[in-house]
Amino acid sequence: MGARSVEAVVPDISRRVRELADELAVASLRAEQCVARLAISVQRDKAPARDLLVRVRDSLVPEADADATEAAFLLAMEIDVVLADKRGIKRPTQQKWEESSARAERVRQRLGDDHPETRLFRERSLTSKAALPGLSLEAIDEARVLLSARGYPHHLDFQTSLRAITFAKMLRDTRNPQHMAEARQIVWKNIVWRAKQYGTTHPFTVVARVHHLGRV
């Protein structure tokens, strides 16, 4: 497919994504869902997926962050996360942390300290920070505070359960026996909660049991 065709299709896809974001009013639509919708156009038009996503992301926030709607801005940040993941493990951990930390700060400046999405992007950045030598304990302390702010362990919902499992992984990776024991308790608690909410055979429950329990 030629460059002219790519240019022709991007505005249409960008408009549809922006309309979808504004319709939701909040970024409850996560990046995976956004990409799933874009994939139809990517497959049909044979446009390079990465190039298309970059163009759509940039169209959602064409100028200053403050000029975009909250939903469009957050959707652009979610696409940015997907693009970063596409670059994969080739990037040094330090670079991953710097990128995710910068993204979290950008969200904080746009939405403020108390916005739930500010907390979510900060939590994500701590995963990379925890993998850096000498910073794992600091990252764990920060992640613990953020998880507590969600109401954990007294409150659990879908997103909190995801963050709790990520926190357990951070604890596990320290190989500290005390942290390992805490990680095991967190995973068990989430398995029980997920089984009660979704059933024992639901993928959300199975993932916690198969991919996490055996590692702590």
N, C-alpha and C. Protein backbone atom coordinates (compact mmCIF):
# COMPACT_ATOMS: atom_id res chain seq x y z
N MET A 1 0.84 -1.21 0.00
CA MET A 1 0.00 0.00 0.00
C MET A 1 0.87 1.25 0.00
N GLY A 2 0.57 2.23 -0.87
CA GLY A 2 1.39 3.40 -0.99
C GLY A 2 1.19 4.38 0.14
N ALA A 3 2.12 5.34 0.23
CA ALA A 3 2.05 6.33 1.29
C ALA A 3 0.78 7.16 1.21
N ARG A 4 0.29 7.45 -0.04
CA ARG A 4 -0.91 8.26 -0.19
C ARG A 4 -2.11 7.56 0.44
N SER A 5 -2.21 6.26 0.29
CA SER A 5 -3.32 5.51 0.86
C SER A 5 -3.27 5.52 2.38
N VAL A 6 -2.07 5.42 2.92
CA VAL A 6 -1.92 5.48 4.37
C VAL A 6 -2.40 6.83 4.87
N GLU A 7 -1.98 7.89 4.21
CA GLU A 7 -2.39 9.24 4.60
C GLU A 7 -3.91 9.38 4.52
N ALA A 8 -4.51 8.73 3.56
CA ALA A 8 -5.95 8.86 3.36
C ALA A 8 -6.74 8.17 4.46
N VAL A 9 -6.23 7.04 4.94
CA VAL A 9 -7.01 6.26 5.90
C VAL A 9 -6.82 6.74 7.32
N VAL A 10 -5.68 7.35 7.64
CA VAL A 10 -5.41 7.76 9.02
C VAL A 10 -6.43 8.76 9.57
N PRO A 11 -6.79 9.82 8.82
CA PRO A 11 -7.77 10.76 9.38
C PRO A 11 -9.09 10.12 9.74
N ASP A 12 -9.55 9.18 8.91
CA ASP A 12 -10.82 8.52 9.18
C ASP A 12 -10.74 7.68 10.45
N ILE A 13 -9.66 6.91 10.59
CA ILE A 13 -9.49 6.08 11.78
C ILE A 13 -9.32 6.97 13.01
N SER A 14 -8.53 8.03 12.86
CA SER A 14 -8.31 8.94 13.97
C SER A 14 -9.61 9.56 14.45
N ARG A 15 -10.46 9.96 13.49
CA ARG A 15 -11.74 10.57 13.86
C ARG A 15 -12.62 9.57 14.61
N ARG A 16 -12.65 8.34 14.13
CA ARG A 16 -13.49 7.33 14.78
C ARG A 16 -13.00 7.03 16.19
N VAL A 17 -11.68 6.96 16.37
CA VAL A 17 -11.13 6.69 17.69
C VAL A 17 -11.42 7.85 18.63
N ARG A 18 -11.26 9.09 18.13
CA ARG A 18 -11.52 10.26 18.97
C ARG A 18 -12.98 10.33 19.37
N GLU A 19 -13.87 10.03 18.43
CA GLU A 19 -15.30 10.04 18.74
C GLU A 19 -15.63 8.98 19.79
N LEU A 20 -14.98 7.83 19.66
CA LEU A 20 -15.20 6.76 20.63
C LEU A 20 -14.71 7.17 22.00
N ALA A 21 -13.55 7.80 22.06
CA ALA A 21 -13.00 8.25 23.34
C ALA A 21 -13.91 9.30 23.98
N ASP A 22 -14.36 10.26 23.19
CA ASP A 22 -15.22 11.31 23.73
C ASP A 22 -16.57 10.76 24.17
N GLU A 23 -17.06 9.77 23.46
CA GLU A 23 -18.34 9.17 23.81
C GLU A 23 -18.26 8.50 25.18
N LEU A 24 -17.13 7.89 25.47
CA LEU A 24 -16.96 7.21 26.76
C LEU A 24 -16.79 8.21 27.89
N ALA A 25 -16.25 9.38 27.58
CA ALA A 25 -16.04 10.45 28.56
C ALA A 25 -14.91 10.14 29.53
N VAL A 26 -14.65 8.88 29.78
CA VAL A 26 -13.51 8.48 30.59
C VAL A 26 -12.77 7.38 29.84
N ALA A 27 -11.51 7.17 30.18
CA ALA A 27 -10.72 6.18 29.45
C ALA A 27 -10.91 4.79 30.03
N SER A 28 -12.17 4.38 30.18
CA SER A 28 -12.42 3.01 30.62
C SER A 28 -12.07 2.03 29.52
N LEU A 29 -12.00 2.54 28.29
CA LEU A 29 -11.54 1.73 27.17
C LEU A 29 -10.03 1.62 27.23
N ARG A 30 -9.53 0.44 27.46
CA ARG A 30 -8.09 0.25 27.57
C ARG A 30 -7.47 0.08 26.18
N ALA A 31 -6.18 0.15 26.14
CA ALA A 31 -5.46 0.16 24.87
C ALA A 31 -5.72 -1.09 24.04
N GLU A 32 -5.85 -2.25 24.71
CA GLU A 32 -6.06 -3.48 23.96
C GLU A 32 -7.34 -3.41 23.14
N GLN A 33 -8.38 -2.81 23.71
CA GLN A 33 -9.64 -2.69 23.00
C GLN A 33 -9.51 -1.71 21.84
N CYS A 34 -8.78 -0.65 22.08
CA CYS A 34 -8.54 0.33 21.02
C CYS A 34 -7.81 -0.33 19.85
N VAL A 35 -6.78 -1.09 20.16
CA VAL A 35 -5.99 -1.75 19.11
C VAL A 35 -6.84 -2.78 18.37
N ALA A 36 -7.71 -3.46 19.10
CA ALA A 36 -8.58 -4.45 18.45
C ALA A 36 -9.45 -3.79 17.39
N ARG A 37 -9.95 -2.59 17.69
CA ARG A 37 -10.78 -1.88 16.73
C ARG A 37 -9.95 -1.37 15.55
N LEU A 38 -8.75 -0.93 15.84
CA LEU A 38 -7.88 -0.44 14.77
C LEU A 38 -7.39 -1.57 13.88
N ALA A 39 -7.27 -2.77 14.45
CA ALA A 39 -6.70 -3.91 13.72
C ALA A 39 -7.49 -4.22 12.46
N ILE A 40 -8.81 -3.98 12.50
CA ILE A 40 -9.63 -4.24 11.33
C ILE A 40 -9.16 -3.38 10.16
N SER A 41 -8.93 -2.11 10.44
CA SER A 41 -8.47 -1.21 9.39
C SER A 41 -7.05 -1.53 8.97
N VAL A 42 -6.22 -1.89 9.95
CA VAL A 42 -4.83 -2.23 9.64
C VAL A 42 -4.78 -3.42 8.70
N GLN A 43 -5.59 -4.43 9.00
CA GLN A 43 -5.58 -5.64 8.18
C GLN A 43 -6.14 -5.36 6.78
N ARG A 44 -7.22 -4.59 6.70
CA ARG A 44 -7.86 -4.35 5.43
C ARG A 44 -7.00 -3.49 4.51
N ASP A 45 -6.37 -2.48 5.11
CA ASP A 45 -5.62 -1.52 4.30
C ASP A 45 -4.15 -1.85 4.17
N LYS A 46 -3.70 -2.88 4.89
CA LYS A 46 -2.31 -3.31 4.83
C LYS A 46 -1.34 -2.23 5.29
N ALA A 47 -1.79 -1.29 6.09
CA ALA A 47 -0.90 -0.24 6.59
C ALA A 47 -0.07 -0.79 7.73
N PRO A 48 1.17 -0.34 7.88
CA PRO A 48 1.99 -0.80 9.01
C PRO A 48 1.32 -0.43 10.32
N ALA A 49 1.10 -1.42 11.18
CA ALA A 49 0.36 -1.18 12.42
C ALA A 49 1.01 -0.12 13.29
N ARG A 50 2.31 -0.20 13.42
CA ARG A 50 2.98 0.76 14.30
C ARG A 50 2.84 2.19 13.77
N ASP A 51 3.05 2.37 12.49
CA ASP A 51 2.94 3.70 11.91
C ASP A 51 1.53 4.24 12.08
N LEU A 52 0.54 3.38 11.91
CA LEU A 52 -0.84 3.79 12.04
C LEU A 52 -1.15 4.22 13.47
N LEU A 53 -0.68 3.44 14.43
CA LEU A 53 -0.94 3.77 15.84
C LEU A 53 -0.25 5.07 16.25
N VAL A 54 0.95 5.29 15.75
CA VAL A 54 1.64 6.54 16.04
C VAL A 54 0.83 7.72 15.54
N ARG A 55 0.32 7.61 14.33
CA ARG A 55 -0.45 8.70 13.73
C ARG A 55 -1.75 8.95 14.50
N VAL A 56 -2.41 7.87 14.90
CA VAL A 56 -3.66 8.01 15.65
C VAL A 56 -3.38 8.62 17.01
N ARG A 57 -2.33 8.14 17.67
CA ARG A 57 -1.97 8.71 18.98
C ARG A 57 -1.73 10.21 18.87
N ASP A 58 -0.95 10.60 17.88
CA ASP A 58 -0.61 12.00 17.73
C ASP A 58 -1.83 12.85 17.35
N SER A 59 -2.78 12.24 16.65
CA SER A 59 -3.97 12.99 16.26
C SER A 59 -4.90 13.22 17.45
N LEU A 60 -4.84 12.35 18.45
CA LEU A 60 -5.69 12.50 19.63
C LEU A 60 -5.25 13.69 20.47
N VAL A 61 -3.93 13.96 20.48
CA VAL A 61 -3.39 15.11 21.23
C VAL A 61 -2.54 15.91 20.24
N PRO A 62 -3.20 16.67 19.36
CA PRO A 62 -2.47 17.34 18.28
C PRO A 62 -1.55 18.47 18.73
N GLU A 63 -1.91 19.16 19.81
CA GLU A 63 -1.10 20.27 20.28
C GLU A 63 -0.72 20.03 21.74
N ALA A 64 -1.13 20.91 22.62
CA ALA A 64 -0.84 20.74 24.05
C ALA A 64 -1.78 19.73 24.66
N ASP A 65 -1.30 19.02 25.71
CA ASP A 65 -2.13 18.02 26.38
C ASP A 65 -3.44 18.61 26.87
N ALA A 66 -3.38 19.85 27.35
CA ALA A 66 -4.57 20.49 27.93
C ALA A 66 -5.64 20.76 26.89
N ASP A 67 -5.26 20.77 25.60
CA ASP A 67 -6.23 21.06 24.54
C ASP A 67 -7.08 19.85 24.17
N ALA A 68 -6.62 18.66 24.53
CA ALA A 68 -7.36 17.44 24.22
C ALA A 68 -8.36 17.15 25.34
N THR A 69 -9.45 16.45 25.00
CA THR A 69 -10.36 16.02 26.04
C THR A 69 -9.65 15.01 26.93
N GLU A 70 -10.14 14.85 28.15
CA GLU A 70 -9.50 13.91 29.07
C GLU A 70 -9.46 12.51 28.49
N ALA A 71 -10.59 12.08 27.90
CA ALA A 71 -10.67 10.73 27.35
C ALA A 71 -9.71 10.54 26.17
N ALA A 72 -9.65 11.55 25.29
CA ALA A 72 -8.74 11.45 24.14
C ALA A 72 -7.29 11.42 24.60
N PHE A 73 -6.96 12.24 25.58
CA PHE A 73 -5.60 12.27 26.11
C PHE A 73 -5.21 10.92 26.70
N LEU A 74 -6.10 10.34 27.51
CA LEU A 74 -5.79 9.06 28.15
C LEU A 74 -5.70 7.93 27.13
N LEU A 75 -6.54 7.99 26.12
CA LEU A 75 -6.47 6.97 25.08
C LEU A 75 -5.15 7.07 24.32
N ALA A 76 -4.68 8.31 24.10
CA ALA A 76 -3.37 8.50 23.46
C ALA A 76 -2.26 7.93 24.33
N MET A 77 -2.36 8.10 25.64
CA MET A 77 -1.36 7.55 26.55
C MET A 77 -1.39 6.02 26.54
N GLU A 78 -2.60 5.46 26.43
CA GLU A 78 -2.71 4.00 26.38
C GLU A 78 -2.08 3.46 25.10
N ILE A 79 -2.30 4.14 23.99
CA ILE A 79 -1.67 3.73 22.74
C ILE A 79 -0.15 3.83 22.86
N ASP A 80 0.31 4.86 23.56
CA ASP A 80 1.74 5.03 23.78
C ASP A 80 2.31 3.85 24.55
N VAL A 81 1.54 3.34 25.51
CA VAL A 81 1.97 2.15 26.27
C VAL A 81 2.11 0.96 25.34
N VAL A 82 1.14 0.78 24.46
CA VAL A 82 1.19 -0.34 23.50
C VAL A 82 2.40 -0.20 22.59
N LEU A 83 2.66 1.00 22.11
CA LEU A 83 3.81 1.23 21.24
C LEU A 83 5.12 0.93 21.97
N ALA A 84 5.17 1.30 23.24
CA ALA A 84 6.37 1.00 24.04
C ALA A 84 6.55 -0.50 24.19
N ASP A 85 5.45 -1.20 24.44
CA ASP A 85 5.52 -2.66 24.57
C ASP A 85 5.97 -3.31 23.27
N LYS A 86 5.57 -2.74 22.16
CA LYS A 86 5.97 -3.28 20.86
C LYS A 86 7.48 -3.23 20.68
N ARG A 87 8.11 -2.26 21.33
CA ARG A 87 9.57 -2.16 21.22
C ARG A 87 10.25 -3.25 22.03
N GLY A 88 9.49 -3.82 22.98
CA GLY A 88 9.87 -5.06 23.63
C GLY A 88 11.10 -5.02 24.52
N ILE A 89 11.67 -6.21 24.70
CA ILE A 89 12.73 -6.42 25.67
C ILE A 89 14.08 -5.88 25.20
N LYS A 90 14.16 -5.39 23.98
CA LYS A 90 15.43 -4.87 23.47
C LYS A 90 15.85 -3.60 24.20
N ARG A 91 14.88 -2.88 24.72
CA ARG A 91 15.22 -1.65 25.43
C ARG A 91 15.80 -1.95 26.80
N PRO A 92 16.82 -1.23 27.22
CA PRO A 92 17.36 -1.41 28.57
C PRO A 92 16.29 -1.07 29.62
N THR A 93 16.37 -1.72 30.77
CA THR A 93 15.40 -1.48 31.83
C THR A 93 15.39 -0.03 32.26
N GLN A 94 16.57 0.59 32.31
CA GLN A 94 16.66 2.00 32.68
C GLN A 94 15.83 2.86 31.73
N GLN A 95 15.91 2.56 30.45
CA GLN A 95 15.16 3.32 29.46
C GLN A 95 13.66 3.09 29.63
N LYS A 96 13.27 1.85 29.89
CA LYS A 96 11.85 1.55 30.11
C LYS A 96 11.30 2.35 31.29
N TRP A 97 12.09 2.40 32.37
CA TRP A 97 11.64 3.13 33.54
C TRP A 97 11.54 4.63 33.25
N GLU A 98 12.54 5.16 32.57
CA GLU A 98 12.52 6.59 32.26
C GLU A 98 11.32 6.94 31.38
N GLU A 99 11.03 6.09 30.41
CA GLU A 99 9.88 6.34 29.54
C GLU A 99 8.57 6.26 30.31
N SER A 100 8.40 5.20 31.10
CA SER A 100 7.14 5.02 31.83
C SER A 100 6.98 6.09 32.92
N SER A 101 8.09 6.49 33.53
CA SER A 101 8.04 7.53 34.54
C SER A 101 7.67 8.87 33.93
N ALA A 102 8.22 9.17 32.76
CA ALA A 102 7.88 10.40 32.06
C ALA A 102 6.42 10.42 31.64
N ARG A 103 5.92 9.26 31.22
CA ARG A 103 4.51 9.16 30.84
C ARG A 103 3.61 9.37 32.05
N ALA A 104 3.99 8.79 33.18
CA ALA A 104 3.21 8.96 34.41
C ALA A 104 3.19 10.42 34.84
N GLU A 105 4.32 11.10 34.71
CA GLU A 105 4.38 12.51 35.09
C GLU A 105 3.53 13.36 34.13
N ARG A 106 3.52 13.00 32.89
CA ARG A 106 2.69 13.71 31.91
C ARG A 106 1.21 13.59 32.26
N VAL A 107 0.81 12.38 32.67
CA VAL A 107 -0.58 12.16 33.08
C VAL A 107 -0.88 12.96 34.35
N ARG A 108 0.06 12.98 35.27
CA ARG A 108 -0.14 13.72 36.52
C ARG A 108 -0.33 15.21 36.26
N GLN A 109 0.48 15.75 35.38
CA GLN A 109 0.38 17.18 35.07
C GLN A 109 -0.94 17.51 34.39
N ARG A 110 -1.44 16.58 33.58
CA ARG A 110 -2.71 16.83 32.86
C ARG A 110 -3.92 16.64 33.76
N LEU A 111 -3.88 15.62 34.65
CA LEU A 111 -5.07 15.25 35.41
C LEU A 111 -5.01 15.57 36.90
N GLY A 112 -3.82 15.80 37.42
CA GLY A 112 -3.70 16.10 38.84
C GLY A 112 -3.31 14.88 39.67
N ASP A 113 -2.87 15.13 40.89
CA ASP A 113 -2.35 14.07 41.76
C ASP A 113 -3.41 13.05 42.17
N ASP A 114 -4.66 13.48 42.31
CA ASP A 114 -5.68 12.63 42.90
C ASP A 114 -6.49 11.84 41.89
N HIS A 115 -6.21 12.01 40.61
CA HIS A 115 -6.98 11.29 39.59
C HIS A 115 -6.60 9.81 39.58
N PRO A 116 -7.58 8.90 39.47
CA PRO A 116 -7.28 7.45 39.45
C PRO A 116 -6.30 7.04 38.36
N GLU A 117 -6.38 7.69 37.20
CA GLU A 117 -5.48 7.32 36.11
C GLU A 117 -4.05 7.78 36.40
N THR A 118 -3.89 8.85 37.16
CA THR A 118 -2.55 9.27 37.58
C THR A 118 -1.92 8.17 38.41
N ARG A 119 -2.69 7.64 39.32
CA ARG A 119 -2.20 6.55 40.17
C ARG A 119 -1.87 5.31 39.35
N LEU A 120 -2.72 4.98 38.37
CA LEU A 120 -2.50 3.80 37.55
C LEU A 120 -1.20 3.90 36.76
N PHE A 121 -0.96 5.04 36.13
CA PHE A 121 0.25 5.18 35.34
C PHE A 121 1.49 5.21 36.23
N ARG A 122 1.35 5.73 37.44
CA ARG A 122 2.47 5.70 38.38
C ARG A 122 2.76 4.26 38.80
N GLU A 123 1.71 3.49 39.05
CA GLU A 123 1.89 2.08 39.41
C GLU A 123 2.60 1.32 38.30
N ARG A 124 2.24 1.59 37.08
CA ARG A 124 2.87 0.91 35.96
C ARG A 124 4.36 1.22 35.88
N SER A 125 4.71 2.47 36.13
CA SER A 125 6.12 2.86 36.03
C SER A 125 6.98 2.16 37.08
N LEU A 126 6.38 1.80 38.21
CA LEU A 126 7.14 1.18 39.29
C LEU A 126 7.59 -0.24 38.94
N THR A 127 6.91 -0.88 38.01
CA THR A 127 7.31 -2.23 37.59
C THR A 127 8.71 -2.22 37.01
N SER A 128 8.99 -1.22 36.17
CA SER A 128 10.34 -1.09 35.59
C SER A 128 11.34 -0.64 36.64
N LYS A 129 10.92 0.25 37.51
CA LYS A 129 11.82 0.76 38.54
C LYS A 129 12.27 -0.37 39.46
N ALA A 130 11.35 -1.29 39.77
CA ALA A 130 11.66 -2.40 40.68
C ALA A 130 12.72 -3.33 40.12
N ALA A 131 12.88 -3.31 38.80
CA ALA A 131 13.87 -4.19 38.16
C ALA A 131 15.26 -3.58 38.11
N LEU A 132 15.39 -2.33 38.55
CA LEU A 132 16.68 -1.67 38.52
C LEU A 132 17.47 -1.96 39.80
N PRO A 133 18.74 -2.26 39.68
CA PRO A 133 19.57 -2.54 40.86
C PRO A 133 19.56 -1.37 41.84
N GLY A 134 19.29 -1.68 43.09
CA GLY A 134 19.32 -0.66 44.12
C GLY A 134 18.04 0.13 44.29
N LEU A 135 17.07 -0.07 43.39
CA LEU A 135 15.83 0.70 43.47
C LEU A 135 14.60 -0.17 43.75
N SER A 136 14.80 -1.49 43.85
CA SER A 136 13.65 -2.39 44.01
C SER A 136 12.89 -2.14 45.30
N LEU A 137 13.61 -1.94 46.41
CA LEU A 137 12.94 -1.73 47.69
C LEU A 137 12.19 -0.41 47.72
N GLU A 138 12.77 0.61 47.11
CA GLU A 138 12.10 1.91 47.03
C GLU A 138 10.83 1.80 46.19
N ALA A 139 10.92 1.06 45.09
CA ALA A 139 9.75 0.87 44.24
C ALA A 139 8.67 0.09 44.96
N ILE A 140 9.06 -0.92 45.73
CA ILE A 140 8.11 -1.72 46.48
C ILE A 140 7.39 -0.87 47.51
N ASP A 141 8.13 0.00 48.19
CA ASP A 141 7.50 0.88 49.18
C ASP A 141 6.48 1.80 48.52
N GLU A 142 6.83 2.35 47.36
CA GLU A 142 5.90 3.23 46.65
C GLU A 142 4.67 2.46 46.18
N ALA A 143 4.90 1.26 45.65
CA ALA A 143 3.80 0.44 45.16
C ALA A 143 2.86 0.03 46.30
N ARG A 144 3.42 -0.22 47.46
CA ARG A 144 2.61 -0.59 48.61
C ARG A 144 1.68 0.55 49.03
N VAL A 145 2.22 1.78 49.00
CA VAL A 145 1.40 2.95 49.34
C VAL A 145 0.26 3.13 48.35
N LEU A 146 0.57 2.98 47.06
CA LEU A 146 -0.44 3.14 46.03
C LEU A 146 -1.51 2.06 46.11
N LEU A 147 -1.09 0.83 46.41
CA LEU A 147 -2.04 -0.27 46.54
C LEU A 147 -2.95 -0.05 47.75
N SER A 148 -2.36 0.45 48.81
CA SER A 148 -3.15 0.76 50.01
C SER A 148 -4.17 1.86 49.72
N ALA A 149 -3.78 2.81 48.88
CA ALA A 149 -4.70 3.90 48.52
C ALA A 149 -5.91 3.38 47.76
N ARG A 150 -5.78 2.23 47.14
CA ARG A 150 -6.91 1.60 46.46
C ARG A 150 -7.85 0.90 47.45
N GLY A 151 -7.43 0.81 48.71
CA GLY A 151 -8.25 0.14 49.71
C GLY A 151 -7.82 -1.29 49.98
N TYR A 152 -6.74 -1.73 49.32
CA TYR A 152 -6.25 -3.09 49.53
C TYR A 152 -5.55 -3.19 50.89
N PRO A 153 -5.76 -4.29 51.64
CA PRO A 153 -6.37 -5.56 51.25
C PRO A 153 -7.86 -5.67 51.56
N HIS A 154 -8.47 -4.61 52.10
CA HIS A 154 -9.88 -4.71 52.50
C HIS A 154 -10.83 -4.61 51.31
N HIS A 155 -10.36 -3.95 50.24
CA HIS A 155 -11.21 -3.79 49.06
C HIS A 155 -10.52 -4.43 47.86
N LEU A 156 -11.31 -5.14 47.04
CA LEU A 156 -10.79 -5.71 45.80
C LEU A 156 -11.78 -5.46 44.67
N ASP A 157 -11.27 -5.07 43.53
CA ASP A 157 -12.04 -5.01 42.30
C ASP A 157 -11.10 -5.47 41.18
N PHE A 158 -11.56 -5.42 39.96
CA PHE A 158 -10.78 -5.96 38.85
C PHE A 158 -9.40 -5.30 38.75
N GLN A 159 -9.38 -3.98 38.72
CA GLN A 159 -8.11 -3.28 38.54
C GLN A 159 -7.20 -3.44 39.75
N THR A 160 -7.79 -3.42 40.96
CA THR A 160 -6.98 -3.59 42.17
C THR A 160 -6.36 -4.97 42.22
N SER A 161 -7.10 -5.97 41.77
CA SER A 161 -6.57 -7.33 41.73
C SER A 161 -5.38 -7.42 40.78
N LEU A 162 -5.48 -6.77 39.64
CA LEU A 162 -4.36 -6.75 38.69
C LEU A 162 -3.13 -6.12 39.32
N ARG A 163 -3.32 -4.99 40.00
CA ARG A 163 -2.19 -4.29 40.61
C ARG A 163 -1.61 -5.09 41.77
N ALA A 164 -2.47 -5.79 42.50
CA ALA A 164 -1.99 -6.60 43.62
C ALA A 164 -1.10 -7.75 43.13
N ILE A 165 -1.51 -8.37 42.03
CA ILE A 165 -0.70 -9.45 41.47
C ILE A 165 0.63 -8.92 40.96
N THR A 166 0.61 -7.74 40.35
CA THR A 166 1.86 -7.12 39.91
C THR A 166 2.76 -6.82 41.10
N PHE A 167 2.16 -6.34 42.18
CA PHE A 167 2.92 -6.07 43.40
C PHE A 167 3.53 -7.36 43.95
N ALA A 168 2.77 -8.44 43.90
CA ALA A 168 3.29 -9.73 44.36
C ALA A 168 4.50 -10.16 43.53
N LYS A 169 4.45 -9.90 42.23
CA LYS A 169 5.58 -10.22 41.36
C LYS A 169 6.81 -9.41 41.75
N MET A 170 6.60 -8.12 42.06
CA MET A 170 7.72 -7.28 42.49
C MET A 170 8.34 -7.83 43.77
N LEU A 171 7.51 -8.26 44.70
CA LEU A 171 8.01 -8.85 45.94
C LEU A 171 8.77 -10.14 45.66
N ARG A 172 8.20 -10.98 44.81
CA ARG A 172 8.81 -12.27 44.49
C ARG A 172 10.19 -12.10 43.88
N ASP A 173 10.33 -11.11 43.01
CA ASP A 173 11.58 -10.95 42.28
C ASP A 173 12.75 -10.51 43.17
N THR A 174 12.46 -10.05 44.39
CA THR A 174 13.54 -9.70 45.30
C THR A 174 14.23 -10.95 45.85
N ARG A 175 13.54 -12.07 45.80
CA ARG A 175 14.02 -13.37 46.32
C ARG A 175 14.22 -13.32 47.83
N ASN A 176 13.72 -12.30 48.47
CA ASN A 176 13.78 -12.20 49.92
C ASN A 176 12.70 -13.11 50.51
N PRO A 177 13.06 -14.02 51.46
CA PRO A 177 12.08 -14.97 52.00
C PRO A 177 10.82 -14.30 52.58
N GLN A 178 11.00 -13.19 53.26
CA GLN A 178 9.85 -12.48 53.82
C GLN A 178 8.95 -11.92 52.71
N HIS A 179 9.58 -11.37 51.69
CA HIS A 179 8.81 -10.86 50.56
C HIS A 179 8.12 -11.99 49.80
N MET A 180 8.81 -13.12 49.69
CA MET A 180 8.22 -14.27 49.00
C MET A 180 6.97 -14.75 49.73
N ALA A 181 7.04 -14.78 51.05
CA ALA A 181 5.88 -15.21 51.85
C ALA A 181 4.71 -14.24 51.68
N GLU A 182 5.02 -12.95 51.67
CA GLU A 182 3.96 -11.96 51.47
C GLU A 182 3.35 -12.08 50.07
N ALA A 183 4.21 -12.31 49.08
CA ALA A 183 3.73 -12.46 47.71
C ALA A 183 2.78 -13.65 47.61
N ARG A 184 3.12 -14.75 48.28
CA ARG A 184 2.28 -15.95 48.24
C ARG A 184 0.91 -15.66 48.85
N GLN A 185 0.87 -14.92 49.94
CA GLN A 185 -0.40 -14.57 50.58
C GLN A 185 -1.26 -13.70 49.66
N ILE A 186 -0.61 -12.76 48.98
CA ILE A 186 -1.34 -11.87 48.07
C ILE A 186 -1.94 -12.67 46.92
N VAL A 187 -1.15 -13.56 46.34
CA VAL A 187 -1.65 -14.36 45.22
C VAL A 187 -2.82 -15.23 45.65
N TRP A 188 -2.69 -15.88 46.81
CA TRP A 188 -3.77 -16.73 47.32
C TRP A 188 -5.04 -15.92 47.53
N LYS A 189 -4.91 -14.76 48.13
CA LYS A 189 -6.08 -13.90 48.39
C LYS A 189 -6.77 -13.55 47.08
N ASN A 190 -5.98 -13.25 46.06
CA ASN A 190 -6.56 -12.88 44.77
C ASN A 190 -7.17 -14.06 44.03
N ILE A 191 -6.59 -15.23 44.18
CA ILE A 191 -7.18 -16.42 43.58
C ILE A 191 -8.55 -16.69 44.19
N VAL A 192 -8.64 -16.61 45.50
CA VAL A 192 -9.92 -16.84 46.19
C VAL A 192 -10.96 -15.81 45.75
N TRP A 193 -10.54 -14.55 45.68
CA TRP A 193 -11.48 -13.50 45.27
C TRP A 193 -11.92 -13.68 43.83
N ARG A 194 -10.98 -13.98 42.94
CA ARG A 194 -11.32 -14.15 41.53
C ARG A 194 -12.23 -15.35 41.31
N ALA A 195 -11.96 -16.43 42.04
CA ALA A 195 -12.80 -17.62 41.91
C ALA A 195 -14.23 -17.31 42.36
N LYS A 196 -14.36 -16.53 43.40
CA LYS A 196 -15.68 -16.16 43.91
C LYS A 196 -16.41 -15.23 42.95
N GLN A 197 -15.67 -14.30 42.35
CA GLN A 197 -16.28 -13.31 41.46
C GLN A 197 -16.56 -13.86 40.06
N TYR A 198 -15.62 -14.66 39.54
CA TYR A 198 -15.71 -15.06 38.14
C TYR A 198 -15.83 -16.57 37.92
N GLY A 199 -15.54 -17.34 38.94
CA GLY A 199 -15.57 -18.80 38.81
C GLY A 199 -14.17 -19.37 38.72
N THR A 200 -14.03 -20.62 39.10
CA THR A 200 -12.71 -21.25 39.17
C THR A 200 -12.08 -21.50 37.80
N THR A 201 -12.93 -21.59 36.76
CA THR A 201 -12.39 -21.88 35.42
C THR A 201 -12.27 -20.63 34.56
N HIS A 202 -12.62 -19.48 35.10
CA HIS A 202 -12.51 -18.24 34.32
C HIS A 202 -11.03 -17.94 34.07
N PRO A 203 -10.68 -17.46 32.87
CA PRO A 203 -9.27 -17.16 32.57
C PRO A 203 -8.61 -16.24 33.58
N PHE A 204 -9.35 -15.27 34.11
CA PHE A 204 -8.80 -14.35 35.09
C PHE A 204 -8.35 -15.08 36.34
N THR A 205 -9.10 -16.12 36.72
CA THR A 205 -8.75 -16.94 37.89
C THR A 205 -7.61 -17.89 37.56
N VAL A 206 -7.71 -18.51 36.39
CA VAL A 206 -6.71 -19.50 35.99
C VAL A 206 -5.33 -18.87 35.85
N VAL A 207 -5.28 -17.66 35.30
CA VAL A 207 -3.99 -16.96 35.14
C VAL A 207 -3.31 -16.78 36.49
N ALA A 208 -4.08 -16.36 37.48
CA ALA A 208 -3.50 -16.16 38.81
C ALA A 208 -3.00 -17.47 39.40
N ARG A 209 -3.76 -18.53 39.20
CA ARG A 209 -3.39 -19.81 39.78
C ARG A 209 -2.21 -20.46 39.06
N VAL A 210 -2.24 -20.44 37.74
CA VAL A 210 -1.23 -21.16 36.95
C VAL A 210 0.06 -20.35 36.80
N HIS A 211 -0.09 -19.07 36.47
CA HIS A 211 1.10 -18.28 36.11
C HIS A 211 1.74 -17.57 37.29
N HIS A 212 1.06 -17.49 38.42
CA HIS A 212 1.63 -16.75 39.54
C HIS A 212 1.86 -17.60 40.79
N LEU A 213 0.88 -18.44 41.11
CA LEU A 213 1.01 -19.21 42.34
C LEU A 213 2.25 -20.10 42.33
N GLY A 214 2.52 -20.75 41.20
CA GLY A 214 3.65 -21.65 41.11
C GLY A 214 5.00 -20.94 41.19
N ARG A 215 5.00 -19.62 41.06
CA ARG A 215 6.26 -18.88 41.06
C ARG A 215 6.58 -18.22 42.41
N VAL A 216 5.63 -18.33 43.35
CA VAL A 216 5.89 -17.75 44.66
C VAL A 216 5.97 -18.84 45.71
